[in-house]
All heavy atoms as atom14 arrays in JSON, in Angstrom:
{
  "sequence": "AAVSGKVSVVTDTIDRDTPEGVVTASGELIEADLIIAAT",
  "atom14_mask": [
    [1, 1, 1, 1, 1, 0, 0, 0, 0, 0, 0, 0, 0, 0],
    [1, 1, 1, 1, 1, 0, 0, 0, 0, 0, 0, 0, 0, 0],
    [1, 1, 1, 1, 1, 1, 1, 0, 0, 0, 0, 0, 0, 0],
    [1, 1, 1, 1, 1, 1, 0, 0, 0, 0, 0, 0, 0, 0],
    [1, 1, 1, 1, 0, 0, 0, 0, 0, 0, 0, 0, 0, 0],
    [1, 1, 1, 1, 1, 1, 1, 1, 1, 0, 0, 0, 0, 0],
    [1, 1, 1, 1, 1, 1, 1, 0, 0, 0, 0, 0, 0, 0],
    [1, 1, 1, 1, 1, 1, 0, 0, 0, 0, 0, 0, 0, 0],
    [1, 1, 1, 1, 1, 1, 1, 0, 0, 0, 0, 0, 0, 0],
    [1, 1, 1, 1, 1, 1, 1, 0, 0, 0, 0, 0, 0, 0],
    [1, 1, 1, 1, 1, 1, 1, 0, 0, 0, 0, 0, 0, 0],
    [1, 1, 1, 1, 1, 1, 1, 1, 0, 0, 0, 0, 0, 0],
    [1, 1, 1, 1, 1, 1, 1, 0, 0, 0, 0, 0, 0, 0],
    [1, 1, 1, 1, 1, 1, 1, 1, 0, 0, 0, 0, 0, 0],
    [1, 1, 1, 1, 1, 1, 1, 1, 0, 0, 0, 0, 0, 0],
    [1, 1, 1, 1, 1, 1, 1, 1, 1, 1, 1, 0, 0, 0],
    [1, 1, 1, 1, 1, 1, 1, 1, 0, 0, 0, 0, 0, 0],
    [1, 1, 1, 1, 1, 1, 1, 0, 0, 0, 0, 0, 0, 0],
    [1, 1, 1, 1, 1, 1, 1, 0, 0, 0, 0, 0, 0, 0],
    [1, 1, 1, 1, 1, 1, 1, 1, 1, 0, 0, 0, 0, 0],
    [1, 1, 1, 1, 0, 0, 0, 0, 0, 0, 0, 0, 0, 0],
    [1, 1, 1, 1, 1, 1, 1, 0, 0, 0, 0, 0, 0, 0],
    [1, 1, 1, 1, 1, 1, 1, 0, 0, 0, 0, 0, 0, 0],
    [1, 1, 1, 1, 1, 1, 1, 0, 0, 0, 0, 0, 0, 0],
    [1, 1, 1, 1, 1, 0, 0, 0, 0, 0, 0, 0, 0, 0],
    [1, 1, 1, 1, 1, 1, 0, 0, 0, 0, 0, 0, 0, 0],
    [1, 1, 1, 1, 0, 0, 0, 0, 0, 0, 0, 0, 0, 0],
    [1, 1, 1, 1, 1, 1, 1, 1, 1, 0, 0, 0, 0, 0],
    [1, 1, 1, 1, 1, 1, 1, 1, 0, 0, 0, 0, 0, 0],
    [1, 1, 1, 1, 1, 1, 1, 1, 0, 0, 0, 0, 0, 0],
    [1, 1, 1, 1, 1, 1, 1, 1, 1, 0, 0, 0, 0, 0],
    [1, 1, 1, 1, 1, 0, 0, 0, 0, 0, 0, 0, 0, 0],
    [1, 1, 1, 1, 1, 1, 1, 1, 0, 0, 0, 0, 0, 0],
    [1, 1, 1, 1, 1, 1, 1, 1, 0, 0, 0, 0, 0, 0],
    [1, 1, 1, 1, 1, 1, 1, 1, 0, 0, 0, 0, 0, 0],
    [1, 1, 1, 1, 1, 1, 1, 1, 0, 0, 0, 0, 0, 0],
    [1, 1, 1, 1, 1, 0, 0, 0, 0, 0, 0, 0, 0, 0],
    [1, 1, 1, 1, 1, 0, 0, 0, 0, 0, 0, 0, 0, 0],
    [1, 1, 1, 1, 1, 1, 1, 0, 0, 0, 0, 0, 0, 0]
  ],
  "atom14_positions": [
    [[-61.13, -55.87, 1.91], [-59.81, -55.43, 1.18], [-58.59, -55.48, 2.14], [-57.51, -55.9, 1.69], [-59.91, -54.12, 0.54], [0.0, 0.0, 0.0], [0.0, 0.0, 0.0], [0.0, 0.0, 0.0], [0.0, 0.0, 0.0], [0.0, 0.0, 0.0], [0.0, 0.0, 0.0], [0.0, 0.0, 0.0], [0.0, 0.0, 0.0], [0.0, 0.0, 0.0]],
    [[-58.81, -54.97, 3.34], [-57.7, -54.86, 4.29], [-57.29, -56.41, 4.77], [-56.09, -56.72, 4.77], [-58.16, -54.15, 5.65], [0.0, 0.0, 0.0], [0.0, 0.0, 0.0], [0.0, 0.0, 0.0], [0.0, 0.0, 0.0], [0.0, 0.0, 0.0], [0.0, 0.0, 0.0], [0.0, 0.0, 0.0], [0.0, 0.0, 0.0], [0.0, 0.0, 0.0]],
    [[-58.29, -57.26, 4.92], [-58.02, -58.66, 5.34], [-57.35, -59.32, 4.17], [-56.43, -60.16, 4.44], [-59.24, -59.43, 5.72], [-59.19, -60.82, 5.82], [-59.8, -58.73, 7.01], [0.0, 0.0, 0.0], [0.0, 0.0, 0.0], [0.0, 0.0, 0.0], [0.0, 0.0, 0.0], [0.0, 0.0, 0.0], [0.0, 0.0, 0.0], [0.0, 0.0, 0.0]],
    [[-57.67, -58.9, 2.91], [-57.05, -59.72, 1.75], [-55.51, -59.39, 1.47], [-54.85, -59.98, 0.77], [-57.88, -59.38, 0.41], [-57.53, -58.0, 0.17], [0.0, 0.0, 0.0], [0.0, 0.0, 0.0], [0.0, 0.0, 0.0], [0.0, 0.0, 0.0], [0.0, 0.0, 0.0], [0.0, 0.0, 0.0], [0.0, 0.0, 0.0], [0.0, 0.0, 0.0]],
    [[-55.11, -58.23, 2.26], [-53.84, -57.81, 2.1], [-53.61, -56.7, 1.02], [-52.51, -56.19, 0.79], [0.0, 0.0, 0.0], [0.0, 0.0, 0.0], [0.0, 0.0, 0.0], [0.0, 0.0, 0.0], [0.0, 0.0, 0.0], [0.0, 0.0, 0.0], [0.0, 0.0, 0.0], [0.0, 0.0, 0.0], [0.0, 0.0, 0.0], [0.0, 0.0, 0.0]],
    [[-54.67, -56.42, 0.33], [-54.52, -55.42, -0.81], [-54.49, -53.99, -0.19], [-54.09, -53.11, -0.93], [-55.82, -55.57, -1.72], [-55.75, -56.86, -2.59], [-54.77, -56.69, -3.73], [-55.31, -55.6, -4.8], [-54.32, -55.62, -5.94], [0.0, 0.0, 0.0], [0.0, 0.0, 0.0], [0.0, 0.0, 0.0], [0.0, 0.0, 0.0], [0.0, 0.0, 0.0]],
    [[-54.88, -53.9, 1.07], [-55.09, -52.54, 1.63], [-54.36, -52.62, 3.0], [-54.49, -53.48, 3.72], [-56.55, -52.06, 1.9], [-56.6, -50.85, 2.71], [-57.17, -51.81, 0.53], [0.0, 0.0, 0.0], [0.0, 0.0, 0.0], [0.0, 0.0, 0.0], [0.0, 0.0, 0.0], [0.0, 0.0, 0.0], [0.0, 0.0, 0.0], [0.0, 0.0, 0.0]],
    [[-53.49, -51.62, 3.24], [-52.98, -51.33, 4.65], [-53.44, -50.1, 5.19], [-53.8, -49.18, 4.48], [-51.42, -51.33, 4.45], [-50.88, -52.51, 3.95], [0.0, 0.0, 0.0], [0.0, 0.0, 0.0], [0.0, 0.0, 0.0], [0.0, 0.0, 0.0], [0.0, 0.0, 0.0], [0.0, 0.0, 0.0], [0.0, 0.0, 0.0], [0.0, 0.0, 0.0]],
    [[-53.62, -50.12, 6.51], [-54.05, -48.92, 7.2], [-52.9, -48.45, 8.18], [-52.27, -49.19, 8.92], [-55.29, -49.13, 7.98], [-55.76, -47.81, 8.76], [-56.36, -49.58, 7.06], [0.0, 0.0, 0.0], [0.0, 0.0, 0.0], [0.0, 0.0, 0.0], [0.0, 0.0, 0.0], [0.0, 0.0, 0.0], [0.0, 0.0, 0.0], [0.0, 0.0, 0.0]],
    [[-52.58, -47.13, 8.13], [-51.53, -46.46, 9.04], [-52.27, -45.47, 9.74], [-52.9, -44.49, 9.05], [-50.33, -46.1, 8.15], [-49.36, -45.34, 9.29], [-49.72, -47.18, 7.49], [0.0, 0.0, 0.0], [0.0, 0.0, 0.0], [0.0, 0.0, 0.0], [0.0, 0.0, 0.0], [0.0, 0.0, 0.0], [0.0, 0.0, 0.0], [0.0, 0.0, 0.0]],
    [[-52.24, -45.29, 11.08], [-52.73, -44.17, 11.89], [-51.51, -43.47, 12.39], [-50.86, -43.87, 13.32], [-53.61, -44.71, 12.96], [-54.68, -45.53, 12.39], [-54.21, -43.64, 13.79], [0.0, 0.0, 0.0], [0.0, 0.0, 0.0], [0.0, 0.0, 0.0], [0.0, 0.0, 0.0], [0.0, 0.0, 0.0], [0.0, 0.0, 0.0], [0.0, 0.0, 0.0]],
    [[-51.42, -42.27, 11.87], [-50.24, -41.41, 12.22], [-50.4, -40.07, 11.48], [-51.3, -39.84, 10.64], [-48.94, -42.18, 11.74], [-47.65, -41.61, 12.53], [-47.84, -40.65, 13.22], [-46.78, -42.43, 12.51], [0.0, 0.0, 0.0], [0.0, 0.0, 0.0], [0.0, 0.0, 0.0], [0.0, 0.0, 0.0], [0.0, 0.0, 0.0], [0.0, 0.0, 0.0]],
    [[-49.56, -39.17, 11.84], [-49.4, -37.91, 11.11], [-48.19, -37.92, 10.25], [-47.36, -38.79, 10.37], [-49.37, -36.7, 12.04], [-48.2, -36.9, 12.84], [-50.62, -36.64, 12.89], [0.0, 0.0, 0.0], [0.0, 0.0, 0.0], [0.0, 0.0, 0.0], [0.0, 0.0, 0.0], [0.0, 0.0, 0.0], [0.0, 0.0, 0.0], [0.0, 0.0, 0.0]],
    [[-48.14, -37.01, 9.25], [-47.07, -36.91, 8.34], [-46.02, -36.0, 8.82], [-46.28, -34.82, 9.28], [-47.49, -36.43, 6.92], [-48.65, -37.45, 6.48], [-46.4, -36.33, 5.93], [-49.24, -36.94, 5.08], [0.0, 0.0, 0.0], [0.0, 0.0, 0.0], [0.0, 0.0, 0.0], [0.0, 0.0, 0.0], [0.0, 0.0, 0.0], [0.0, 0.0, 0.0]],
    [[-44.78, -36.34, 8.75], [-43.55, -35.46, 9.17], [-43.08, -34.79, 7.94], [-42.95, -33.6, 7.97], [-42.56, -36.4, 9.66], [-41.23, -35.49, 10.08], [-41.41, -34.7, 10.93], [-40.33, -35.68, 9.3], [0.0, 0.0, 0.0], [0.0, 0.0, 0.0], [0.0, 0.0, 0.0], [0.0, 0.0, 0.0], [0.0, 0.0, 0.0], [0.0, 0.0, 0.0]],
    [[-42.81, -35.42, 6.77], [-42.43, -34.81, 5.61], [-42.65, -35.72, 4.42], [-42.89, -36.9, 4.49], [-40.97, -34.53, 5.69], [-40.01, -35.8, 5.93], [-38.61, -35.48, 6.12], [-37.75, -36.58, 6.1], [-37.59, -37.54, 7.17], [-38.26, -37.38, 8.22], [-36.81, -38.54, 6.99], [0.0, 0.0, 0.0], [0.0, 0.0, 0.0], [0.0, 0.0, 0.0]],
    [[-42.62, -34.97, 3.29], [-42.59, -35.84, 2.04], [-41.17, -36.0, 1.49], [-40.29, -35.21, 1.79], [-43.32, -34.91, 0.96], [-44.88, -34.81, 1.27], [-45.29, -33.94, 1.96], [-45.75, -35.73, 0.73], [0.0, 0.0, 0.0], [0.0, 0.0, 0.0], [0.0, 0.0, 0.0], [0.0, 0.0, 0.0], [0.0, 0.0, 0.0], [0.0, 0.0, 0.0]],
    [[-41.07, -37.06, 0.8], [-39.77, -37.5, 0.07], [-40.03, -37.81, -1.34], [-41.23, -37.98, -1.73], [-39.17, -38.7, 0.7], [-39.86, -39.78, 0.49], [-39.13, -38.47, 2.3], [0.0, 0.0, 0.0], [0.0, 0.0, 0.0], [0.0, 0.0, 0.0], [0.0, 0.0, 0.0], [0.0, 0.0, 0.0], [0.0, 0.0, 0.0], [0.0, 0.0, 0.0]],
    [[-39.04, -37.9, -2.21], [-39.34, -38.32, -3.55], [-40.02, -39.55, -3.71], [-40.88, -39.89, -4.53], [-37.9, -38.4, -4.26], [-37.1, -37.44, -3.36], [-37.63, -37.49, -1.98], [0.0, 0.0, 0.0], [0.0, 0.0, 0.0], [0.0, 0.0, 0.0], [0.0, 0.0, 0.0], [0.0, 0.0, 0.0], [0.0, 0.0, 0.0], [0.0, 0.0, 0.0]],
    [[-39.85, -40.56, -2.56], [-40.46, -41.87, -2.68], [-41.9, -41.98, -2.15], [-42.58, -42.85, -2.43], [-39.64, -42.8, -1.9], [-38.19, -43.08, -2.38], [-37.22, -41.88, -2.0], [-37.5, -41.19, -1.03], [-36.25, -41.66, -2.74], [0.0, 0.0, 0.0], [0.0, 0.0, 0.0], [0.0, 0.0, 0.0], [0.0, 0.0, 0.0], [0.0, 0.0, 0.0]],
    [[-42.17, -40.91, -1.22], [-43.55, -41.06, -0.66], [-43.56, -40.08, 0.6], [-43.22, -38.93, 0.37], [0.0, 0.0, 0.0], [0.0, 0.0, 0.0], [0.0, 0.0, 0.0], [0.0, 0.0, 0.0], [0.0, 0.0, 0.0], [0.0, 0.0, 0.0], [0.0, 0.0, 0.0], [0.0, 0.0, 0.0], [0.0, 0.0, 0.0], [0.0, 0.0, 0.0]],
    [[-44.09, -40.55, 1.73], [-44.11, -39.73, 2.85], [-43.49, -40.54, 4.03], [-43.46, -41.81, 4.09], [-45.53, -39.3, 3.29], [-46.24, -38.68, 2.05], [-46.33, -40.46, 3.65], [0.0, 0.0, 0.0], [0.0, 0.0, 0.0], [0.0, 0.0, 0.0], [0.0, 0.0, 0.0], [0.0, 0.0, 0.0], [0.0, 0.0, 0.0], [0.0, 0.0, 0.0]],
    [[-42.95, -39.69, 4.88], [-42.38, -40.28, 6.15], [-43.41, -39.82, 7.35], [-43.66, -38.59, 7.57], [-41.03, -39.71, 6.53], [-40.52, -40.2, 7.88], [-39.99, -40.16, 5.46], [0.0, 0.0, 0.0], [0.0, 0.0, 0.0], [0.0, 0.0, 0.0], [0.0, 0.0, 0.0], [0.0, 0.0, 0.0], [0.0, 0.0, 0.0], [0.0, 0.0, 0.0]],
    [[-43.84, -40.75, 8.13], [-44.69, -40.4, 9.17], [-43.99, -39.86, 10.43], [-42.78, -39.94, 10.46], [-45.59, -41.66, 9.6], [-44.71, -42.57, 10.18], [-46.22, -42.21, 8.44], [0.0, 0.0, 0.0], [0.0, 0.0, 0.0], [0.0, 0.0, 0.0], [0.0, 0.0, 0.0], [0.0, 0.0, 0.0], [0.0, 0.0, 0.0], [0.0, 0.0, 0.0]],
    [[-44.79, -39.31, 11.38], [-44.12, -38.78, 12.66], [-43.32, -39.83, 13.35], [-42.37, -39.61, 14.03], [-45.18, -38.22, 13.51], [0.0, 0.0, 0.0], [0.0, 0.0, 0.0], [0.0, 0.0, 0.0], [0.0, 0.0, 0.0], [0.0, 0.0, 0.0], [0.0, 0.0, 0.0], [0.0, 0.0, 0.0], [0.0, 0.0, 0.0], [0.0, 0.0, 0.0]],
    [[-43.83, -41.19, 13.21], [-43.12, -42.15, 13.92], [-41.91, -42.74, 13.17], [-41.26, -43.58, 13.62], [-44.16, -43.33, 14.16], [-44.52, -43.83, 12.91], [0.0, 0.0, 0.0], [0.0, 0.0, 0.0], [0.0, 0.0, 0.0], [0.0, 0.0, 0.0], [0.0, 0.0, 0.0], [0.0, 0.0, 0.0], [0.0, 0.0, 0.0], [0.0, 0.0, 0.0]],
    [[-41.7, -42.2, 12.02], [-40.46, -42.47, 11.12], [-40.65, -43.59, 10.09], [-39.68, -43.91, 9.42], [0.0, 0.0, 0.0], [0.0, 0.0, 0.0], [0.0, 0.0, 0.0], [0.0, 0.0, 0.0], [0.0, 0.0, 0.0], [0.0, 0.0, 0.0], [0.0, 0.0, 0.0], [0.0, 0.0, 0.0], [0.0, 0.0, 0.0], [0.0, 0.0, 0.0]],
    [[-41.91, -43.98, 9.84], [-42.19, -44.91, 8.88], [-42.19, -44.31, 7.46], [-42.93, -43.23, 7.29], [-43.51, -45.73, 9.09], [-43.85, -46.63, 8.05], [-45.21, -47.34, 8.37], [-45.84, -47.03, 9.36], [-45.66, -48.12, 7.47], [0.0, 0.0, 0.0], [0.0, 0.0, 0.0], [0.0, 0.0, 0.0], [0.0, 0.0, 0.0], [0.0, 0.0, 0.0]],
    [[-41.57, -44.91, 6.47], [-41.64, -44.4, 5.18], [-42.69, -45.23, 4.36], [-42.69, -46.4, 4.39], [-40.25, -44.6, 4.38], [-40.31, -44.38, 2.8], [-40.6, -42.98, 2.55], [-38.98, -44.85, 2.23], [0.0, 0.0, 0.0], [0.0, 0.0, 0.0], [0.0, 0.0, 0.0], [0.0, 0.0, 0.0], [0.0, 0.0, 0.0], [0.0, 0.0, 0.0]],
    [[-43.7, -44.45, 3.85], [-44.78, -45.16, 3.03], [-44.48, -44.69, 1.53], [-44.54, -43.63, 1.12], [-46.15, -44.65, 3.46], [-46.41, -44.76, 4.89], [-47.15, -45.31, 2.56], [-47.69, -44.21, 5.35], [0.0, 0.0, 0.0], [0.0, 0.0, 0.0], [0.0, 0.0, 0.0], [0.0, 0.0, 0.0], [0.0, 0.0, 0.0], [0.0, 0.0, 0.0]],
    [[-44.09, -45.73, 0.79], [-43.65, -45.52, -0.56], [-44.91, -45.46, -1.45], [-45.73, -46.23, -1.27], [-42.69, -46.58, -1.1], [-41.33, -46.55, -0.4], [-40.41, -47.47, -0.98], [-40.76, -48.56, -1.29], [-39.17, -47.21, -0.99], [0.0, 0.0, 0.0], [0.0, 0.0, 0.0], [0.0, 0.0, 0.0], [0.0, 0.0, 0.0], [0.0, 0.0, 0.0]],
    [[-44.96, -44.59, -2.38], [-46.14, -44.59, -3.25], [-45.76, -43.94, -4.58], [-44.72, -43.14, -4.8], [-47.0, -43.46, -2.66], [0.0, 0.0, 0.0], [0.0, 0.0, 0.0], [0.0, 0.0, 0.0], [0.0, 0.0, 0.0], [0.0, 0.0, 0.0], [0.0, 0.0, 0.0], [0.0, 0.0, 0.0], [0.0, 0.0, 0.0], [0.0, 0.0, 0.0]],
    [[-46.5, -44.29, -5.64], [-46.47, -43.77, -6.93], [-47.56, -42.65, -7.15], [-47.37, -41.8, -8.02], [-46.62, -44.85, -8.12], [-45.73, -45.99, -7.85], [-44.48, -45.82, -7.93], [-46.15, -47.18, -7.68], [0.0, 0.0, 0.0], [0.0, 0.0, 0.0], [0.0, 0.0, 0.0], [0.0, 0.0, 0.0], [0.0, 0.0, 0.0], [0.0, 0.0, 0.0]],
    [[-48.5, -42.85, -6.36], [-49.64, -41.81, -6.5], [-50.14, -41.58, -5.06], [-50.4, -42.54, -4.25], [-50.73, -42.43, -7.34], [-52.2, -41.71, -7.24], [-52.05, -40.38, -7.95], [-53.29, -42.55, -7.79], [0.0, 0.0, 0.0], [0.0, 0.0, 0.0], [0.0, 0.0, 0.0], [0.0, 0.0, 0.0], [0.0, 0.0, 0.0], [0.0, 0.0, 0.0]],
    [[-50.28, -40.18, -4.82], [-50.85, -39.85, -3.43], [-52.27, -39.17, -3.76], [-52.33, -38.25, -4.61], [-49.99, -38.85, -2.69], [-48.67, -39.61, -2.23], [-50.7, -38.35, -1.43], [-47.65, -38.71, -1.56], [0.0, 0.0, 0.0], [0.0, 0.0, 0.0], [0.0, 0.0, 0.0], [0.0, 0.0, 0.0], [0.0, 0.0, 0.0], [0.0, 0.0, 0.0]],
    [[-53.22, -39.62, -3.07], [-54.61, -39.01, -3.29], [-54.96, -38.35, -1.92], [-54.96, -39.13, -0.91], [-55.62, -40.09, -3.7], [-55.26, -40.71, -4.9], [-57.1, -39.48, -3.63], [-56.21, -41.98, -5.32], [0.0, 0.0, 0.0], [0.0, 0.0, 0.0], [0.0, 0.0, 0.0], [0.0, 0.0, 0.0], [0.0, 0.0, 0.0], [0.0, 0.0, 0.0]],
    [[-55.28, -37.17, -1.93], [-55.76, -36.42, -0.88], [-57.24, -36.56, -0.7], [-58.01, -36.06, -1.54], [-55.29, -34.95, -0.73], [0.0, 0.0, 0.0], [0.0, 0.0, 0.0], [0.0, 0.0, 0.0], [0.0, 0.0, 0.0], [0.0, 0.0, 0.0], [0.0, 0.0, 0.0], [0.0, 0.0, 0.0], [0.0, 0.0, 0.0], [0.0, 0.0, 0.0]],
    [[-57.78, -37.31, 0.41], [-59.11, -37.41, 0.72], [-59.44, -36.58, 1.98], [-59.95, -37.18, 2.94], [-59.55, -38.88, 0.85], [0.0, 0.0, 0.0], [0.0, 0.0, 0.0], [0.0, 0.0, 0.0], [0.0, 0.0, 0.0], [0.0, 0.0, 0.0], [0.0, 0.0, 0.0], [0.0, 0.0, 0.0], [0.0, 0.0, 0.0], [0.0, 0.0, 0.0]],
    [[-59.06, -35.34, 2.0], [-59.01, -34.53, 3.16], [-60.15, -33.7, 3.28], [-60.25, -32.82, 4.18], [-57.65, -33.56, 3.09], [-57.52, -33.08, 1.78], [-56.49, -34.45, 3.39], [0.0, 0.0, 0.0], [0.0, 0.0, 0.0], [0.0, 0.0, 0.0], [0.0, 0.0, 0.0], [0.0, 0.0, 0.0], [0.0, 0.0, 0.0], [0.0, 0.0, 0.0]]
  ]
}
C-alpha cells in the first residue's frame, strides 16, 4: 500500500492539533478528515 502511493508514513512526534489535522514537531502539517488513535 505504501509503494502504491495510497499510504504515507511519517516518523515524528505531534506538536499540536489544528482544525485541519496535526502539526508535527518538525513543522509538517498532516491534513486529515479522520484521525484514528492506534495507541
